[in-house]
Amino acid sequence: MYCLHLLDAAWESGIRAFDTAMGYGDAPERLRRWISDRGVGREVAVTTKVDPKLKGDALASALTAAR
């Protein structure tokens, strides 16, 4: 998959911080899977964004998904 090759190349070049958001389609899930498949969870920093208009259950769901 093209995205995974980019993540591999970034990792090989020393990048350890990645940014994603639910608004990027399936990118957060691809990143999560890539981190899990390579076993690098303790070596990587991931940042994300949440829509400030989210409230209640929608906000809780977004925050849970970000973990």
PDB file of N, CA and C in Angstrom:
ATOM      1  N   MET A   1       0.835  -1.177   0.000  1.00  0.00           N
ATOM      2  CA  MET A   1       0.000   0.000   0.000  1.00  0.00           C
ATOM      3  C   MET A   1       0.885   1.247   0.000  1.00  0.00           C
ATOM      4  N   TYR A   2       0.559   2.218  -0.814  1.00  0.00           N
ATOM      5  CA  TYR A   2       1.353   3.427  -0.995  1.00  0.00           C
ATOM      6  C   TYR A   2       1.609   4.147   0.330  1.00  0.00           C
ATOM      7  N   CYS A   3       0.579   4.338   1.121  1.00  0.00           N
ATOM      8  CA  CYS A   3       0.703   5.042   2.397  1.00  0.00           C
ATOM      9  C   CYS A   3       1.719   4.355   3.313  1.00  0.00           C
ATOM     10  N   LEU A   4       1.686   3.044   3.347  1.00  0.00           N
ATOM     11  CA  LEU A   4       2.582   2.304   4.229  1.00  0.00           C
ATOM     12  C   LEU A   4       4.032   2.445   3.788  1.00  0.00           C
ATOM     13  N   HIS A   5       4.266   2.522   2.496  1.00  0.00           N
ATOM     14  CA  HIS A   5       5.628   2.735   1.994  1.00  0.00           C
ATOM     15  C   HIS A   5       6.150   4.106   2.426  1.00  0.00           C
ATOM     16  N   LEU A   6       5.262   5.098   2.426  1.00  0.00           N
ATOM     17  CA  LEU A   6       5.665   6.433   2.888  1.00  0.00           C
ATOM     18  C   LEU A   6       6.004   6.425   4.373  1.00  0.00           C
ATOM     19  N   LEU A   7       5.207   5.725   5.159  1.00  0.00           N
ATOM     20  CA  LEU A   7       5.484   5.620   6.591  1.00  0.00           C
ATOM     21  C   LEU A   7       6.794   4.893   6.834  1.00  0.00           C
ATOM     22  N   ASP A   8       7.021   3.812   6.085  1.00  0.00           N
ATOM     23  CA  ASP A   8       8.294   3.087   6.209  1.00  0.00           C
ATOM     24  C   ASP A   8       9.473   3.984   5.863  1.00  0.00           C
ATOM     25  N   ALA A   9       9.350   4.756   4.787  1.00  0.00           N
ATOM     26  CA  ALA A   9      10.435   5.652   4.366  1.00  0.00           C
ATOM     27  C   ALA A   9      10.678   6.732   5.413  1.00  0.00           C
ATOM     28  N   ALA A  10       9.596   7.275   5.977  1.00  0.00           N
ATOM     29  CA  ALA A  10       9.732   8.293   7.017  1.00  0.00           C
ATOM     30  C   ALA A  10      10.453   7.703   8.227  1.00  0.00           C
ATOM     31  N   TRP A  11      10.051   6.491   8.619  1.00  0.00           N
ATOM     32  CA  TRP A  11      10.667   5.826   9.772  1.00  0.00           C
ATOM     33  C   TRP A  11      12.149   5.595   9.523  1.00  0.00           C
ATOM     34  N   GLU A  12      12.469   5.090   8.355  1.00  0.00           N
ATOM     35  CA  GLU A  12      13.864   4.804   8.023  1.00  0.00           C
ATOM     36  C   GLU A  12      14.721   6.068   8.014  1.00  0.00           C
ATOM     37  N   SER A  13      14.107   7.216   7.725  1.00  0.00           N
ATOM     38  CA  SER A  13      14.863   8.470   7.709  1.00  0.00           C
ATOM     39  C   SER A  13      14.926   9.127   9.087  1.00  0.00           C
ATOM     40  N   GLY A  14      14.331   8.483  10.098  1.00  0.00           N
ATOM     41  CA  GLY A  14      14.438   8.975  11.465  1.00  0.00           C
ATOM     42  C   GLY A  14      13.236   9.720  12.000  1.00  0.00           C
ATOM     43  N   ILE A  15      12.188   9.840  11.219  1.00  0.00           N
ATOM     44  CA  ILE A  15      10.980  10.527  11.683  1.00  0.00           C
ATOM     45  C   ILE A  15      10.264   9.632  12.689  1.00  0.00           C
ATOM     46  N   ARG A  16       9.926  10.209  13.843  1.00  0.00           N
ATOM     47  CA  ARG A  16       9.263   9.455  14.909  1.00  0.00           C
ATOM     48  C   ARG A  16       7.975  10.124  15.381  1.00  0.00           C
ATOM     49  N   ALA A  17       7.596  11.233  14.768  1.00  0.00           N
ATOM     50  CA  ALA A  17       6.365  11.942  15.133  1.00  0.00           C
ATOM     51  C   ALA A  17       5.456  12.020  13.913  1.00  0.00           C
ATOM     52  N   PHE A  18       4.198  11.650  14.113  1.00  0.00           N
ATOM     53  CA  PHE A  18       3.224  11.632  13.025  1.00  0.00           C
ATOM     54  C   PHE A  18       1.965  12.357  13.472  1.00  0.00           C
ATOM     55  N   ASP A  19       1.314  13.029  12.545  1.00  0.00           N
ATOM     56  CA  ASP A  19       0.097  13.775  12.818  1.00  0.00           C
ATOM     57  C   ASP A  19      -1.024  13.183  11.973  1.00  0.00           C
ATOM     58  N   THR A  20      -2.185  13.018  12.558  1.00  0.00           N
ATOM     59  CA  THR A  20      -3.328  12.483  11.827  1.00  0.00           C
ATOM     60  C   THR A  20      -4.609  13.078  12.394  1.00  0.00           C
ATOM     61  N   ALA A  21      -5.728  12.776  11.769  1.00  0.00           N
ATOM     62  CA  ALA A  21      -7.033  13.238  12.250  1.00  0.00           C
ATOM     63  C   ALA A  21      -8.120  12.428  11.569  1.00  0.00           C
ATOM     64  N   MET A  22      -9.274  12.344  12.207  1.00  0.00           N
ATOM     65  CA  MET A  22     -10.397  11.605  11.633  1.00  0.00           C
ATOM     66  C   MET A  22     -10.816  12.205  10.287  1.00  0.00           C
ATOM     67  N   GLY A  23     -10.568  13.481  10.092  1.00  0.00           N
ATOM     68  CA  GLY A  23     -10.915  14.145   8.842  1.00  0.00           C
ATOM     69  C   GLY A  23     -10.042  13.727   7.672  1.00  0.00           C
ATOM     70  N   TYR A  24      -9.025  12.929   7.918  1.00  0.00           N
ATOM     71  CA  TYR A  24      -8.127  12.452   6.862  1.00  0.00           C
ATOM     72  C   TYR A  24      -8.554  11.082   6.344  1.00  0.00           C
ATOM     73  N   GLY A  25      -9.823  10.772   6.419  1.00  0.00           N
ATOM     74  CA  GLY A  25     -10.313   9.487   5.931  1.00  0.00           C
ATOM     75  C   GLY A  25      -9.837   8.339   6.801  1.00  0.00           C
ATOM     76  N   ASP A  26      -9.277   7.312   6.174  1.00  0.00           N
ATOM     77  CA  ASP A  26      -8.834   6.150   6.940  1.00  0.00           C
ATOM     78  C   ASP A  26      -7.374   6.249   7.386  1.00  0.00           C
ATOM     79  N   ALA A  27      -6.780   7.429   7.261  1.00  0.00           N
ATOM     80  CA  ALA A  27      -5.372   7.615   7.657  1.00  0.00           C
ATOM     81  C   ALA A  27      -5.100   7.250   9.119  1.00  0.00           C
ATOM     82  N   PRO A  28      -5.951   7.639  10.076  1.00  0.00           N
ATOM     83  CA  PRO A  28      -5.661   7.246  11.469  1.00  0.00           C
ATOM     84  C   PRO A  28      -5.611   5.730  11.655  1.00  0.00           C
ATOM     85  N   GLU A  29      -6.531   5.021  10.997  1.00  0.00           N
ATOM     86  CA  GLU A  29      -6.545   3.559  11.111  1.00  0.00           C
ATOM     87  C   GLU A  29      -5.322   2.948  10.428  1.00  0.00           C
ATOM     88  N   ARG A  30      -4.937   3.476   9.282  1.00  0.00           N
ATOM     89  CA  ARG A  30      -3.727   2.985   8.600  1.00  0.00           C
ATOM     90  C   ARG A  30      -2.493   3.213   9.465  1.00  0.00           C
ATOM     91  N   LEU A  31      -2.406   4.382  10.083  1.00  0.00           N
ATOM     92  CA  LEU A  31      -1.265   4.679  10.945  1.00  0.00           C
ATOM     93  C   LEU A  31      -1.256   3.746  12.154  1.00  0.00           C
ATOM     94  N   ARG A  32      -2.421   3.545  12.766  1.00  0.00           N
ATOM     95  CA  ARG A  32      -2.521   2.641  13.913  1.00  0.00           C
ATOM     96  C   ARG A  32      -2.062   1.235  13.527  1.00  0.00           C
ATOM     97  N   ARG A  33      -2.532   0.762  12.388  1.00  0.00           N
ATOM     98  CA  ARG A  33      -2.171  -0.575  11.930  1.00  0.00           C
ATOM     99  C   ARG A  33      -0.671  -0.667  11.630  1.00  0.00           C
ATOM    100  N   TRP A  34      -0.121   0.361  11.003  1.00  0.00           N
ATOM    101  CA  TRP A  34       1.310   0.385  10.688  1.00  0.00           C
ATOM    102  C   TRP A  34       2.137   0.317  11.980  1.00  0.00           C
ATOM    103  N   ILE A  35       1.762   1.124  12.971  1.00  0.00           N
ATOM    104  CA  ILE A  35       2.478   1.130  14.252  1.00  0.00           C
ATOM    105  C   ILE A  35       2.393  -0.244  14.905  1.00  0.00           C
ATOM    106  N   SER A  36       1.213  -0.835  14.902  1.00  0.00           N
ATOM    107  CA  SER A  36       1.021  -2.145  15.504  1.00  0.00           C
ATOM    108  C   SER A  36       1.804  -3.234  14.772  1.00  0.00           C
ATOM    109  N   ASP A  37       1.717  -3.242  13.448  1.00  0.00           N
ATOM    110  CA  ASP A  37       2.391  -4.275  12.648  1.00  0.00           C
ATOM    111  C   ASP A  37       3.909  -4.232  12.820  1.00  0.00           C
ATOM    112  N   ARG A  38       4.456  -3.045  13.020  1.00  0.00           N
ATOM    113  CA  ARG A  38       5.903  -2.914  13.142  1.00  0.00           C
ATOM    114  C   ARG A  38       6.386  -2.920  14.594  1.00  0.00           C
ATOM    115  N   GLY A  39       5.441  -2.916  15.530  1.00  0.00           N
ATOM    116  CA  GLY A  39       5.806  -2.986  16.944  1.00  0.00           C
ATOM    117  C   GLY A  39       6.589  -1.787  17.441  1.00  0.00           C
ATOM    118  N   VAL A  40       6.256  -0.597  16.932  1.00  0.00           N
ATOM    119  CA  VAL A  40       7.023   0.603  17.275  1.00  0.00           C
ATOM    120  C   VAL A  40       6.241   1.566  18.173  1.00  0.00           C
ATOM    121  N   GLY A  41       5.183   1.079  18.803  1.00  0.00           N
ATOM    122  CA  GLY A  41       4.316   1.941  19.597  1.00  0.00           C
ATOM    123  C   GLY A  41       5.010   2.748  20.680  1.00  0.00           C
ATOM    124  N   ARG A  42       6.048   2.192  21.275  1.00  0.00           N
ATOM    125  CA  ARG A  42       6.762   2.911  22.343  1.00  0.00           C
ATOM    126  C   ARG A  42       7.802   3.878  21.807  1.00  0.00           C
ATOM    127  N   GLU A  43       8.014   3.857  20.500  1.00  0.00           N
ATOM    128  CA  GLU A  43       9.048   4.701  19.897  1.00  0.00           C
ATOM    129  C   GLU A  43       8.476   5.853  19.070  1.00  0.00           C
ATOM    130  N   VAL A  44       7.163   5.945  18.977  1.00  0.00           N
ATOM    131  CA  VAL A  44       6.543   6.918  18.083  1.00  0.00           C
ATOM    132  C   VAL A  44       5.635   7.866  18.866  1.00  0.00           C
ATOM    133  N   ALA A  45       5.568   9.107  18.396  1.00  0.00           N
ATOM    134  CA  ALA A  45       4.640  10.098  18.957  1.00  0.00           C
ATOM    135  C   ALA A  45       3.581  10.400  17.901  1.00  0.00           C
ATOM    136  N   VAL A  46       2.324  10.324  18.297  1.00  0.00           N
ATOM    137  CA  VAL A  46       1.221  10.587  17.371  1.00  0.00           C
ATOM    138  C   VAL A  46       0.393  11.734  17.920  1.00  0.00           C
ATOM    139  N   THR A  47       0.126  12.708  17.072  1.00  0.00           N
ATOM    140  CA  THR A  47      -0.770  13.806  17.443  1.00  0.00           C
ATOM    141  C   THR A  47      -2.004  13.724  16.562  1.00  0.00           C
ATOM    142  N   THR A  48      -3.098  14.268  17.059  1.00  0.00           N
ATOM    143  CA  THR A  48      -4.338  14.257  16.300  1.00  0.00           C
ATOM    144  C   THR A  48      -5.116  15.534  16.602  1.00  0.00           C
ATOM    145  N   LYS A  49      -6.176  15.728  15.883  1.00  0.00           N
ATOM    146  CA  LYS A  49      -7.035  16.884  16.071  1.00  0.00           C
ATOM    147  C   LYS A  49      -8.474  16.406  16.219  1.00  0.00           C
ATOM    148  N   VAL A  50      -9.250  17.165  16.991  1.00  0.00           N
ATOM    149  CA  VAL A  50     -10.661  16.853  17.173  1.00  0.00           C
ATOM    150  C   VAL A  50     -11.447  18.109  16.836  1.00  0.00           C
ATOM    151  N   ASP A  51     -12.543  17.943  16.115  1.00  0.00           N
ATOM    152  CA  ASP A  51     -13.403  19.064  15.744  1.00  0.00           C
ATOM    153  C   ASP A  51     -13.925  19.741  17.015  1.00  0.00           C
ATOM    154  N   PRO A  52     -13.658  21.041  17.183  1.00  0.00           N
ATOM    155  CA  PRO A  52     -14.087  21.731  18.411  1.00  0.00           C
ATOM    156  C   PRO A  52     -15.600  21.814  18.557  1.00  0.00           C
ATOM    157  N   LYS A  53     -16.344  21.528  17.497  1.00  0.00           N
ATOM    158  CA  LYS A  53     -17.806  21.576  17.570  1.00  0.00           C
ATOM    159  C   LYS A  53     -18.406  20.283  18.110  1.00  0.00           C
ATOM    160  N   LEU A  54     -17.594  19.241  18.272  1.00  0.00           N
ATOM    161  CA  LEU A  54     -18.115  17.984  18.794  1.00  0.00           C
ATOM    162  C   LEU A  54     -18.516  18.135  20.255  1.00  0.00           C
ATOM    163  N   LYS A  55     -19.613  17.515  20.613  1.00  0.00           N
ATOM    164  CA  LYS A  55     -20.122  17.567  21.982  1.00  0.00           C
ATOM    165  C   LYS A  55     -20.584  16.173  22.402  1.00  0.00           C
ATOM    166  N   GLY A  56     -20.666  15.950  23.686  1.00  0.00           N
ATOM    167  CA  GLY A  56     -21.265  14.742  24.250  1.00  0.00           C
ATOM    168  C   GLY A  56     -20.685  13.455  23.727  1.00  0.00           C
ATOM    169  N   ASP A  57     -21.576  12.559  23.276  1.00  0.00           N
ATOM    170  CA  ASP A  57     -21.178  11.235  22.825  1.00  0.00           C
ATOM    171  C   ASP A  57     -20.248  11.295  21.615  1.00  0.00           C
ATOM    172  N   ALA A  58     -20.472  12.240  20.719  1.00  0.00           N
ATOM    173  CA  ALA A  58     -19.605  12.355  19.537  1.00  0.00           C
ATOM    174  C   ALA A  58     -18.181  12.710  19.945  1.00  0.00           C
ATOM    175  N   LEU A  59     -18.035  13.592  20.914  1.00  0.00           N
ATOM    176  CA  LEU A  59     -16.706  13.963  21.410  1.00  0.00           C
ATOM    177  C   LEU A  59     -16.055  12.758  22.101  1.00  0.00           C
ATOM    178  N   ALA A  60     -16.808  12.080  22.945  1.00  0.00           N
ATOM    179  CA  ALA A  60     -16.266  10.908  23.639  1.00  0.00           C
ATOM    180  C   ALA A  60     -15.819   9.845  22.643  1.00  0.00           C
ATOM    181  N   SER A  61     -16.594   9.639  21.602  1.00  0.00           N
ATOM    182  CA  SER A  61     -16.249   8.656  20.578  1.00  0.00           C
ATOM    183  C   SER A  61     -14.985   9.048  19.844  1.00  0.00           C
ATOM    184  N   ALA A  62     -14.841  10.315  19.499  1.00  0.00           N
ATOM    185  CA  ALA A  62     -13.634  10.782  18.806  1.00  0.00           C
ATOM    186  C   ALA A  62     -12.403  10.628  19.672  1.00  0.00           C
ATOM    187  N   LEU A  63     -12.530  10.952  20.937  1.00  0.00           N
ATOM    188  CA  LEU A  63     -11.381  10.834  21.848  1.00  0.00           C
ATOM    189  C   LEU A  63     -10.989   9.370  22.063  1.00  0.00           C
ATOM    190  N   THR A  64     -11.979   8.494  22.135  1.00  0.00           N
ATOM    191  CA  THR A  64     -11.703   7.064  22.275  1.00  0.00           C
ATOM    192  C   THR A  64     -11.009   6.534  21.030  1.00  0.00           C
ATOM    193  N   ALA A  65     -11.452   6.952  19.865  1.00  0.00           N
ATOM    194  CA  ALA A  65     -10.852   6.509  18.612  1.00  0.00           C
ATOM    195  C   ALA A  65      -9.412   6.989  18.485  1.00  0.00           C
ATOM    196  N   ALA A  66      -9.118   8.139  19.059  1.00  0.00           N
ATOM    197  CA  ALA A  66      -7.767   8.703  18.979  1.00  0.00           C
ATOM    198  C   ALA A  66      -6.766   7.910  19.805  1.00  0.00           C
ATOM    199  N   ARG A  67      -7.237   7.160  20.761  1.00  0.00           N
ATOM    200  CA  ARG A  67      -6.340   6.366  21.596  1.00  0.00           C
ATOM    201  C   ARG A  67      -5.917   5.167  20.832  1.00  0.00           C
TER     202      ARG A  67
END
